[in-house]
mmCIF file of all heavy atoms, coordinates in Angstrom:
data_MODEL
# 
_entry.id   MODEL 
# 
loop_
_atom_site.group_PDB 
_atom_site.id 
_atom_site.type_symbol 
_atom_site.label_atom_id 
_atom_site.label_alt_id 
_atom_site.label_comp_id 
_atom_site.label_asym_id 
_atom_site.label_entity_id 
_atom_site.label_seq_id 
_atom_site.pdbx_PDB_ins_code 
_atom_site.Cartn_x 
_atom_site.Cartn_y 
_atom_site.Cartn_z 
_atom_site.occupancy 
_atom_site.B_iso_or_equiv 
_atom_site.pdbx_formal_charge 
_atom_site.auth_seq_id 
_atom_site.auth_comp_id 
_atom_site.auth_asym_id 
_atom_site.auth_atom_id 
_atom_site.pdbx_PDB_model_num 
ATOM 1   N N   . ILE A 1 1  ? -12.488 1.589   3.410  1.00 0.00 ? 1  ILE A N   1 
ATOM 2   C CA  . ILE A 1 1  ? -11.466 1.097   4.338  1.00 0.00 ? 1  ILE A CA  1 
ATOM 3   C C   . ILE A 1 1  ? -12.005 -0.064  5.155  1.00 0.00 ? 1  ILE A C   1 
ATOM 4   O O   . ILE A 1 1  ? -11.304 -1.037  5.429  1.00 0.00 ? 1  ILE A O   1 
ATOM 5   C CB  . ILE A 1 1  ? -11.011 2.251   5.264  1.00 0.00 ? 1  ILE A CB  1 
ATOM 6   C CG1 . ILE A 1 1  ? -10.336 3.342   4.427  1.00 0.00 ? 1  ILE A CG1 1 
ATOM 7   C CG2 . ILE A 1 1  ? -10.078 1.755   6.349  1.00 0.00 ? 1  ILE A CG2 1 
ATOM 8   C CD1 . ILE A 1 1  ? -9.948  4.567   5.236  1.00 0.00 ? 1  ILE A CD1 1 
ATOM 9   N N   . HIS A 1 2  ? -13.267 0.027   5.534  1.00 0.00 ? 2  HIS A N   1 
ATOM 10  C CA  . HIS A 1 2  ? -13.877 -1.033  6.334  1.00 0.00 ? 2  HIS A CA  1 
ATOM 11  C C   . HIS A 1 2  ? -13.905 -2.354  5.570  1.00 0.00 ? 2  HIS A C   1 
ATOM 12  O O   . HIS A 1 2  ? -13.731 -3.434  6.141  1.00 0.00 ? 2  HIS A O   1 
ATOM 13  C CB  . HIS A 1 2  ? -15.295 -0.610  6.741  1.00 0.00 ? 2  HIS A CB  1 
ATOM 14  C CG  . HIS A 1 2  ? -16.010 -1.657  7.547  1.00 0.00 ? 2  HIS A CG  1 
ATOM 15  N ND1 . HIS A 1 2  ? -15.687 -1.920  8.868  1.00 0.00 ? 2  HIS A ND1 1 
ATOM 16  C CD2 . HIS A 1 2  ? -17.025 -2.506  7.205  1.00 0.00 ? 2  HIS A CD2 1 
ATOM 17  C CE1 . HIS A 1 2  ? -16.472 -2.886  9.315  1.00 0.00 ? 2  HIS A CE1 1 
ATOM 18  N NE2 . HIS A 1 2  ? -17.297 -3.255  8.329  1.00 0.00 ? 2  HIS A NE2 1 
ATOM 19  N N   . ASN A 1 3  ? -14.135 -2.265  4.261  1.00 0.00 ? 3  ASN A N   1 
ATOM 20  C CA  . ASN A 1 3  ? -14.223 -3.468  3.439  1.00 0.00 ? 3  ASN A CA  1 
ATOM 21  C C   . ASN A 1 3  ? -12.873 -3.893  2.859  1.00 0.00 ? 3  ASN A C   1 
ATOM 22  O O   . ASN A 1 3  ? -12.824 -4.697  1.946  1.00 0.00 ? 3  ASN A O   1 
ATOM 23  C CB  . ASN A 1 3  ? -15.209 -3.229  2.283  1.00 0.00 ? 3  ASN A CB  1 
ATOM 24  C CG  . ASN A 1 3  ? -16.630 -3.035  2.792  1.00 0.00 ? 3  ASN A CG  1 
ATOM 25  O OD1 . ASN A 1 3  ? -16.994 -3.576  3.834  1.00 0.00 ? 3  ASN A OD1 1 
ATOM 26  N ND2 . ASN A 1 3  ? -17.426 -2.250  2.063  1.00 0.00 ? 3  ASN A ND2 1 
ATOM 27  N N   . LEU A 1 4  ? -11.793 -3.314  3.398  1.00 0.00 ? 4  LEU A N   1 
ATOM 28  C CA  . LEU A 1 4  ? -10.463 -3.612  2.898  1.00 0.00 ? 4  LEU A CA  1 
ATOM 29  C C   . LEU A 1 4  ? -10.136 -5.087  3.095  1.00 0.00 ? 4  LEU A C   1 
ATOM 30  O O   . LEU A 1 4  ? -10.325 -5.640  4.181  1.00 0.00 ? 4  LEU A O   1 
ATOM 31  C CB  . LEU A 1 4  ? -9.428  -2.751  3.632  1.00 0.00 ? 4  LEU A CB  1 
ATOM 32  C CG  . LEU A 1 4  ? -7.989  -2.882  3.149  1.00 0.00 ? 4  LEU A CG  1 
ATOM 33  C CD1 . LEU A 1 4  ? -7.849  -2.326  1.731  1.00 0.00 ? 4  LEU A CD1 1 
ATOM 34  C CD2 . LEU A 1 4  ? -7.050  -2.133  4.089  1.00 0.00 ? 4  LEU A CD2 1 
ATOM 35  N N   . SER A 1 5  ? -9.655  -5.721  2.036  1.00 0.00 ? 5  SER A N   1 
ATOM 36  C CA  . SER A 1 5  ? -9.281  -7.136  2.107  1.00 0.00 ? 5  SER A CA  1 
ATOM 37  C C   . SER A 1 5  ? -7.874  -7.317  1.578  1.00 0.00 ? 5  SER A C   1 
ATOM 38  O O   . SER A 1 5  ? -7.345  -6.458  0.865  1.00 0.00 ? 5  SER A O   1 
ATOM 39  C CB  . SER A 1 5  ? -10.270 -7.985  1.293  1.00 0.00 ? 5  SER A CB  1 
ATOM 40  O OG  . SER A 1 5  ? -10.241 -7.584  -0.072 1.00 0.00 ? 5  SER A OG  1 
ATOM 41  N N   . LEU A 1 6  ? -7.261  -8.429  1.957  1.00 0.00 ? 6  LEU A N   1 
ATOM 42  C CA  . LEU A 1 6  ? -5.905  -8.733  1.519  1.00 0.00 ? 6  LEU A CA  1 
ATOM 43  C C   . LEU A 1 6  ? -5.940  -9.843  0.475  1.00 0.00 ? 6  LEU A C   1 
ATOM 44  O O   . LEU A 1 6  ? -6.733  -10.777 0.567  1.00 0.00 ? 6  LEU A O   1 
ATOM 45  C CB  . LEU A 1 6  ? -5.054  -9.164  2.719  1.00 0.00 ? 6  LEU A CB  1 
ATOM 46  C CG  . LEU A 1 6  ? -4.888  -8.125  3.833  1.00 0.00 ? 6  LEU A CG  1 
ATOM 47  C CD1 . LEU A 1 6  ? -4.029  -8.686  4.958  1.00 0.00 ? 6  LEU A CD1 1 
ATOM 48  C CD2 . LEU A 1 6  ? -4.291  -6.832  3.309  1.00 0.00 ? 6  LEU A CD2 1 
ATOM 49  N N   . PRO A 1 7  ? -5.083  -9.785  -0.542 1.00 0.00 ? 7  PRO A N   1 
ATOM 50  C CA  . PRO A 1 7  ? -4.127  -8.696  -0.801 1.00 0.00 ? 7  PRO A CA  1 
ATOM 51  C C   . PRO A 1 7  ? -4.814  -7.432  -1.302 1.00 0.00 ? 7  PRO A C   1 
ATOM 52  O O   . PRO A 1 7  ? -5.901  -7.499  -1.880 1.00 0.00 ? 7  PRO A O   1 
ATOM 53  C CB  . PRO A 1 7  ? -3.229  -9.285  -1.881 1.00 0.00 ? 7  PRO A CB  1 
ATOM 54  C CG  . PRO A 1 7  ? -4.093  -10.254 -2.608 1.00 0.00 ? 7  PRO A CG  1 
ATOM 55  C CD  . PRO A 1 7  ? -4.984  -10.863 -1.562 1.00 0.00 ? 7  PRO A CD  1 
ATOM 56  N N   . ILE A 1 8  ? -4.186  -6.311  -1.050 1.00 0.00 ? 8  ILE A N   1 
ATOM 57  C CA  . ILE A 1 8  ? -4.744  -5.021  -1.436 1.00 0.00 ? 8  ILE A CA  1 
ATOM 58  C C   . ILE A 1 8  ? -4.822  -4.927  -2.959 1.00 0.00 ? 8  ILE A C   1 
ATOM 59  O O   . ILE A 1 8  ? -3.865  -5.228  -3.662 1.00 0.00 ? 8  ILE A O   1 
ATOM 60  C CB  . ILE A 1 8  ? -3.870  -3.874  -0.877 1.00 0.00 ? 8  ILE A CB  1 
ATOM 61  C CG1 . ILE A 1 8  ? -3.876  -3.907  0.650  1.00 0.00 ? 8  ILE A CG1 1 
ATOM 62  C CG2 . ILE A 1 8  ? -4.353  -2.524  -1.394 1.00 0.00 ? 8  ILE A CG2 1 
ATOM 63  C CD1 . ILE A 1 8  ? -2.906  -2.939  1.287  1.00 0.00 ? 8  ILE A CD1 1 
ATOM 64  N N   . GLU A 1 9  ? -5.960  -4.481  -3.444 1.00 0.00 ? 9  GLU A N   1 
ATOM 65  C CA  . GLU A 1 9  ? -6.148  -4.354  -4.884 1.00 0.00 ? 9  GLU A CA  1 
ATOM 66  C C   . GLU A 1 9  ? -6.262  -2.902  -5.342 1.00 0.00 ? 9  GLU A C   1 
ATOM 67  O O   . GLU A 1 9  ? -6.082  -2.612  -6.520 1.00 0.00 ? 9  GLU A O   1 
ATOM 68  C CB  . GLU A 1 9  ? -7.400  -5.126  -5.319 1.00 0.00 ? 9  GLU A CB  1 
ATOM 69  C CG  . GLU A 1 9  ? -7.278  -6.635  -5.106 1.00 0.00 ? 9  GLU A CG  1 
ATOM 70  C CD  . GLU A 1 9  ? -8.490  -7.379  -5.605 1.00 0.00 ? 9  GLU A CD  1 
ATOM 71  O OE1 . GLU A 1 9  ? -9.431  -6.708  -6.090 1.00 0.00 ? 9  GLU A OE1 1 
ATOM 72  O OE2 . GLU A 1 9  ? -8.520  -8.621  -5.520 1.00 0.00 ? 9  GLU A OE2 1 
ATOM 73  N N   . ASP A 1 10 ? -6.546  -2.006  -4.417 1.00 0.00 ? 10 ASP A N   1 
ATOM 74  C CA  . ASP A 1 10 ? -6.664  -0.595  -4.789 1.00 0.00 ? 10 ASP A CA  1 
ATOM 75  C C   . ASP A 1 10 ? -5.306  -0.074  -5.272 1.00 0.00 ? 10 ASP A C   1 
ATOM 76  O O   . ASP A 1 10 ? -4.322  -0.102  -4.521 1.00 0.00 ? 10 ASP A O   1 
ATOM 77  C CB  . ASP A 1 10 ? -7.132  0.226   -3.587 1.00 0.00 ? 10 ASP A CB  1 
ATOM 78  C CG  . ASP A 1 10 ? -7.290  1.700   -3.940 1.00 0.00 ? 10 ASP A CG  1 
ATOM 79  O OD1 . ASP A 1 10 ? -8.275  2.036   -4.631 1.00 0.00 ? 10 ASP A OD1 1 
ATOM 80  O OD2 . ASP A 1 10 ? -6.411  2.490   -3.563 1.00 0.00 ? 10 ASP A OD2 1 
ATOM 81  N N   . PRO A 1 11 ? -5.212  0.411   -6.521 1.00 0.00 ? 11 PRO A N   1 
ATOM 82  C CA  . PRO A 1 11 ? -3.919  0.806   -7.082 1.00 0.00 ? 11 PRO A CA  1 
ATOM 83  C C   . PRO A 1 11 ? -3.254  1.954   -6.341 1.00 0.00 ? 11 PRO A C   1 
ATOM 84  O O   . PRO A 1 11 ? -2.022  1.986   -6.196 1.00 0.00 ? 11 PRO A O   1 
ATOM 85  C CB  . PRO A 1 11 ? -4.258  1.197   -8.533 1.00 0.00 ? 11 PRO A CB  1 
ATOM 86  C CG  . PRO A 1 11 ? -5.722  1.491   -8.526 1.00 0.00 ? 11 PRO A CG  1 
ATOM 87  C CD  . PRO A 1 11 ? -6.306  0.596   -7.495 1.00 0.00 ? 11 PRO A CD  1 
ATOM 88  N N   . VAL A 1 12 ? -4.064  2.896   -5.837 1.00 0.00 ? 12 VAL A N   1 
ATOM 89  C CA  . VAL A 1 12 ? -3.493  4.035   -5.111 1.00 0.00 ? 12 VAL A CA  1 
ATOM 90  C C   . VAL A 1 12 ? -2.860  3.564   -3.812 1.00 0.00 ? 12 VAL A C   1 
ATOM 91  O O   . VAL A 1 12 ? -1.729  3.938   -3.461 1.00 0.00 ? 12 VAL A O   1 
ATOM 92  C CB  . VAL A 1 12 ? -4.574  5.101   -4.828 1.00 0.00 ? 12 VAL A CB  1 
ATOM 93  C CG1 . VAL A 1 12 ? -3.997  6.235   -3.977 1.00 0.00 ? 12 VAL A CG1 1 
ATOM 94  C CG2 . VAL A 1 12 ? -5.133  5.646   -6.125 1.00 0.00 ? 12 VAL A CG2 1 
ATOM 95  N N   . LEU A 1 13 ? -3.562  2.716   -3.086 1.00 0.00 ? 13 LEU A N   1 
ATOM 96  C CA  . LEU A 1 13 ? -3.062  2.218   -1.811 1.00 0.00 ? 13 LEU A CA  1 
ATOM 97  C C   . LEU A 1 13 ? -1.843  1.318   -2.013 1.00 0.00 ? 13 LEU A C   1 
ATOM 98  O O   . LEU A 1 13 ? -0.882  1.361   -1.222 1.00 0.00 ? 13 LEU A O   1 
ATOM 99  C CB  . LEU A 1 13 ? -4.176  1.459   -1.085 1.00 0.00 ? 13 LEU A CB  1 
ATOM 100 C CG  . LEU A 1 13 ? -3.897  1.071   0.370  1.00 0.00 ? 13 LEU A CG  1 
ATOM 101 C CD1 . LEU A 1 13 ? -3.529  2.296   1.188  1.00 0.00 ? 13 LEU A CD1 1 
ATOM 102 C CD2 . LEU A 1 13 ? -5.121  0.380   0.972  1.00 0.00 ? 13 LEU A CD2 1 
ATOM 103 N N   . LYS A 1 14 ? -1.859  0.514   -3.067 1.00 0.00 ? 14 LYS A N   1 
ATOM 104 C CA  . LYS A 1 14 ? -0.712  -0.361  -3.358 1.00 0.00 ? 14 LYS A CA  1 
ATOM 105 C C   . LYS A 1 14 ? 0.548   0.461   -3.611 1.00 0.00 ? 14 LYS A C   1 
ATOM 106 O O   . LYS A 1 14 ? 1.609   0.197   -3.038 1.00 0.00 ? 14 LYS A O   1 
ATOM 107 C CB  . LYS A 1 14 ? -1.013  -1.226  -4.594 1.00 0.00 ? 14 LYS A CB  1 
ATOM 108 C CG  . LYS A 1 14 ? -1.966  -2.372  -4.343 1.00 0.00 ? 14 LYS A CG  1 
ATOM 109 C CD  . LYS A 1 14 ? -2.359  -3.069  -5.633 1.00 0.00 ? 14 LYS A CD  1 
ATOM 110 C CE  . LYS A 1 14 ? -1.192  -3.678  -6.337 1.00 0.00 ? 14 LYS A CE  1 
ATOM 111 N NZ  . LYS A 1 14 ? -1.603  -4.403  -7.563 1.00 0.00 ? 14 LYS A NZ  1 
ATOM 112 N N   . PHE A 1 15 ? 0.403   1.446   -4.457 1.00 0.00 ? 15 PHE A N   1 
ATOM 113 C CA  . PHE A 1 15 ? 1.569   2.251   -4.809 1.00 0.00 ? 15 PHE A CA  1 
ATOM 114 C C   . PHE A 1 15 ? 2.054   3.056   -3.610 1.00 0.00 ? 15 PHE A C   1 
ATOM 115 O O   . PHE A 1 15 ? 3.260   3.219   -3.399 1.00 0.00 ? 15 PHE A O   1 
ATOM 116 C CB  . PHE A 1 15 ? 1.224   3.189   -5.969 1.00 0.00 ? 15 PHE A CB  1 
ATOM 117 C CG  . PHE A 1 15 ? 2.424   3.707   -6.695 1.00 0.00 ? 15 PHE A CG  1 
ATOM 118 C CD1 . PHE A 1 15 ? 3.157   2.887   -7.543 1.00 0.00 ? 15 PHE A CD1 1 
ATOM 119 C CD2 . PHE A 1 15 ? 2.834   5.021   -6.531 1.00 0.00 ? 15 PHE A CD2 1 
ATOM 120 C CE1 . PHE A 1 15 ? 4.266   3.367   -8.210 1.00 0.00 ? 15 PHE A CE1 1 
ATOM 121 C CE2 . PHE A 1 15 ? 3.947   5.512   -7.193 1.00 0.00 ? 15 PHE A CE2 1 
ATOM 122 C CZ  . PHE A 1 15 ? 4.666   4.684   -8.042 1.00 0.00 ? 15 PHE A CZ  1 
ATOM 123 N N   . LEU A 1 16 ? 1.115   3.553   -2.813 1.00 0.00 ? 16 LEU A N   1 
ATOM 124 C CA  . LEU A 1 16 ? 1.488   4.299   -1.609 1.00 0.00 ? 16 LEU A CA  1 
ATOM 125 C C   . LEU A 1 16 ? 2.291   3.421   -0.655 1.00 0.00 ? 16 LEU A C   1 
ATOM 126 O O   . LEU A 1 16 ? 3.315   3.860   -0.099 1.00 0.00 ? 16 LEU A O   1 
ATOM 127 C CB  . LEU A 1 16 ? 0.225   4.819   -0.908 1.00 0.00 ? 16 LEU A CB  1 
ATOM 128 C CG  . LEU A 1 16 ? 0.456   5.495   0.453  1.00 0.00 ? 16 LEU A CG  1 
ATOM 129 C CD1 . LEU A 1 16 ? 1.334   6.729   0.303  1.00 0.00 ? 16 LEU A CD1 1 
ATOM 130 C CD2 . LEU A 1 16 ? -0.882  5.855   1.101  1.00 0.00 ? 16 LEU A CD2 1 
ATOM 131 N N   . LEU A 1 17 ? 1.854   2.183   -0.459 1.00 0.00 ? 17 LEU A N   1 
ATOM 132 C CA  . LEU A 1 17 ? 2.539   1.274   0.453  1.00 0.00 ? 17 LEU A CA  1 
ATOM 133 C C   . LEU A 1 17 ? 3.963   0.990   -0.027 1.00 0.00 ? 17 LEU A C   1 
ATOM 134 O O   . LEU A 1 17 ? 4.916   0.998   0.768  1.00 0.00 ? 17 LEU A O   1 
ATOM 135 C CB  . LEU A 1 17 ? 1.747   -0.031  0.578  1.00 0.00 ? 17 LEU A CB  1 
ATOM 136 C CG  . LEU A 1 17 ? 2.340   -1.082  1.519  1.00 0.00 ? 17 LEU A CG  1 
ATOM 137 C CD1 . LEU A 1 17 ? 2.469   -0.537  2.930  1.00 0.00 ? 17 LEU A CD1 1 
ATOM 138 C CD2 . LEU A 1 17 ? 1.488   -2.355  1.509  1.00 0.00 ? 17 LEU A CD2 1 
ATOM 139 N N   . VAL A 1 18 ? 4.123   0.747   -1.326 1.00 0.00 ? 18 VAL A N   1 
ATOM 140 C CA  . VAL A 1 18 ? 5.453   0.482   -1.880 1.00 0.00 ? 18 VAL A CA  1 
ATOM 141 C C   . VAL A 1 18 ? 6.353   1.703   -1.715 1.00 0.00 ? 18 VAL A C   1 
ATOM 142 O O   . VAL A 1 18 ? 7.533   1.585   -1.343 1.00 0.00 ? 18 VAL A O   1 
ATOM 143 C CB  . VAL A 1 18 ? 5.351   0.081   -3.366 1.00 0.00 ? 18 VAL A CB  1 
ATOM 144 C CG1 . VAL A 1 18 ? 6.744   -0.029  -3.977 1.00 0.00 ? 18 VAL A CG1 1 
ATOM 145 C CG2 . VAL A 1 18 ? 4.617   -1.244  -3.514 1.00 0.00 ? 18 VAL A CG2 1 
ATOM 146 N N   . LEU A 1 19 ? 5.816   2.893   -1.958 1.00 0.00 ? 19 LEU A N   1 
ATOM 147 C CA  . LEU A 1 19 ? 6.606   4.116   -1.812 1.00 0.00 ? 19 LEU A CA  1 
ATOM 148 C C   . LEU A 1 19 ? 7.039   4.334   -0.363 1.00 0.00 ? 19 LEU A C   1 
ATOM 149 O O   . LEU A 1 19 ? 8.163   4.788   -0.101 1.00 0.00 ? 19 LEU A O   1 
ATOM 150 C CB  . LEU A 1 19 ? 5.807   5.326   -2.306 1.00 0.00 ? 19 LEU A CB  1 
ATOM 151 C CG  . LEU A 1 19 ? 5.595   5.440   -3.813 1.00 0.00 ? 19 LEU A CG  1 
ATOM 152 C CD1 . LEU A 1 19 ? 4.783   6.686   -4.136 1.00 0.00 ? 19 LEU A CD1 1 
ATOM 153 C CD2 . LEU A 1 19 ? 6.924   5.480   -4.554 1.00 0.00 ? 19 LEU A CD2 1 
ATOM 154 N N   . ILE A 1 20 ? 6.160   4.009   0.581  1.00 0.00 ? 20 ILE A N   1 
ATOM 155 C CA  . ILE A 1 20 ? 6.515   4.137   2.000  1.00 0.00 ? 20 ILE A CA  1 
ATOM 156 C C   . ILE A 1 20 ? 7.672   3.203   2.340  1.00 0.00 ? 20 ILE A C   1 
ATOM 157 O O   . ILE A 1 20 ? 8.605   3.570   3.073  1.00 0.00 ? 20 ILE A O   1 
ATOM 158 C CB  . ILE A 1 20 ? 5.292   3.846   2.891  1.00 0.00 ? 20 ILE A CB  1 
ATOM 159 C CG1 . ILE A 1 20 ? 4.260   4.978   2.745  1.00 0.00 ? 20 ILE A CG1 1 
ATOM 160 C CG2 . ILE A 1 20 ? 5.705   3.698   4.350  1.00 0.00 ? 20 ILE A CG2 1 
ATOM 161 C CD1 . ILE A 1 20 ? 2.957   4.723   3.470  1.00 0.00 ? 20 ILE A CD1 1 
ATOM 162 N N   . ILE A 1 21 ? 7.636   1.991   1.799  1.00 0.00 ? 21 ILE A N   1 
ATOM 163 C CA  . ILE A 1 21 ? 8.728   1.036   2.036  1.00 0.00 ? 21 ILE A CA  1 
ATOM 164 C C   . ILE A 1 21 ? 10.030  1.556   1.437  1.00 0.00 ? 21 ILE A C   1 
ATOM 165 O O   . ILE A 1 21 ? 11.090  1.516   2.076  1.00 0.00 ? 21 ILE A O   1 
ATOM 166 C CB  . ILE A 1 21 ? 8.370   -0.341  1.442  1.00 0.00 ? 21 ILE A CB  1 
ATOM 167 C CG1 . ILE A 1 21 ? 7.200   -0.965  2.194  1.00 0.00 ? 21 ILE A CG1 1 
ATOM 168 C CG2 . ILE A 1 21 ? 9.583   -1.269  1.478  1.00 0.00 ? 21 ILE A CG2 1 
ATOM 169 C CD1 . ILE A 1 21 ? 6.668   -2.231  1.559  1.00 0.00 ? 21 ILE A CD1 1 
ATOM 170 N N   . ILE A 1 22 ? 9.947   2.063   0.194  1.00 0.00 ? 22 ILE A N   1 
ATOM 171 C CA  . ILE A 1 22 ? 11.148  2.588   -0.472 1.00 0.00 ? 22 ILE A CA  1 
ATOM 172 C C   . ILE A 1 22 ? 11.717  3.774   0.310  1.00 0.00 ? 22 ILE A C   1 
ATOM 173 O O   . ILE A 1 22 ? 12.938  3.954   0.406  1.00 0.00 ? 22 ILE A O   1 
ATOM 174 C CB  . ILE A 1 22 ? 10.823  3.007   -1.917 1.00 0.00 ? 22 ILE A CB  1 
ATOM 175 C CG1 . ILE A 1 22 ? 10.431  1.779   -2.745 1.00 0.00 ? 22 ILE A CG1 1 
ATOM 176 C CG2 . ILE A 1 22 ? 12.002  3.714   -2.566 1.00 0.00 ? 22 ILE A CG2 1 
ATOM 177 C CD1 . ILE A 1 22 ? 9.934   2.106   -4.145 1.00 0.00 ? 22 ILE A CD1 1 
ATOM 178 N N   . LEU A 1 23 ? 10.844  4.588   0.892  1.00 0.00 ? 23 LEU A N   1 
ATOM 179 C CA  . LEU A 1 23 ? 11.277  5.744   1.672  1.00 0.00 ? 23 LEU A CA  1 
ATOM 180 C C   . LEU A 1 23 ? 11.858  5.337   3.014  1.00 0.00 ? 23 LEU A C   1 
ATOM 181 O O   . LEU A 1 23 ? 12.911  5.848   3.437  1.00 0.00 ? 23 LEU A O   1 
ATOM 182 C CB  . LEU A 1 23 ? 10.090  6.694   1.890  1.00 0.00 ? 23 LEU A CB  1 
ATOM 183 C CG  . LEU A 1 23 ? 10.318  7.880   2.838  1.00 0.00 ? 23 LEU A CG  1 
ATOM 184 C CD1 . LEU A 1 23 ? 11.367  8.820   2.260  1.00 0.00 ? 23 LEU A CD1 1 
ATOM 185 C CD2 . LEU A 1 23 ? 9.013   8.616   3.103  1.00 0.00 ? 23 LEU A CD2 1 
ATOM 186 N N   . ALA A 1 24 ? 11.187  4.407   3.698  1.00 0.00 ? 24 ALA A N   1 
ATOM 187 C CA  . ALA A 1 24 ? 11.564  4.081   5.071  1.00 0.00 ? 24 ALA A CA  1 
ATOM 188 C C   . ALA A 1 24 ? 12.796  3.186   5.157  1.00 0.00 ? 24 ALA A C   1 
ATOM 189 O O   . ALA A 1 24 ? 13.593  3.317   6.099  1.00 0.00 ? 24 ALA A O   1 
ATOM 190 C CB  . ALA A 1 24 ? 10.384  3.409   5.780  1.00 0.00 ? 24 ALA A CB  1 
ATOM 191 N N   . ALA A 1 25 ? 12.958  2.273   4.193  1.00 0.00 ? 25 ALA A N   1 
ATOM 192 C CA  . ALA A 1 25 ? 14.063  1.306   4.273  1.00 0.00 ? 25 ALA A CA  1 
ATOM 193 C C   . ALA A 1 25 ? 15.435  1.969   4.416  1.00 0.00 ? 25 ALA A C   1 
ATOM 194 O O   . ALA A 1 25 ? 16.186  1.641   5.341  1.00 0.00 ? 25 ALA A O   1 
ATOM 195 C CB  . ALA A 1 25 ? 14.027  0.372   3.062  1.00 0.00 ? 25 ALA A CB  1 
ATOM 196 N N   . PRO A 1 26 ? 15.811  2.912   3.554  1.00 0.00 ? 26 PRO A N   1 
ATOM 197 C CA  . PRO A 1 26 ? 17.133  3.539   3.713  1.00 0.00 ? 26 PRO A CA  1 
ATOM 198 C C   . PRO A 1 26 ? 17.258  4.344   5.010  1.00 0.00 ? 26 PRO A C   1 
ATOM 199 O O   . PRO A 1 26 ? 18.293  4.307   5.666  1.00 0.00 ? 26 PRO A O   1 
ATOM 200 C CB  . PRO A 1 26 ? 17.236  4.460   2.487  1.00 0.00 ? 26 PRO A CB  1 
ATOM 201 C CG  . PRO A 1 26 ? 16.239  3.955   1.521  1.00 0.00 ? 26 PRO A CG  1 
ATOM 202 C CD  . PRO A 1 26 ? 15.128  3.403   2.351  1.00 0.00 ? 26 PRO A CD  1 
# 
């Protein structure tokens, strides 16, 4: 997490972020 850079490349974190957006938007 400390070495986290943008854009995010970790597949788990990427998918989690997209799912949070899909959940929160509606």
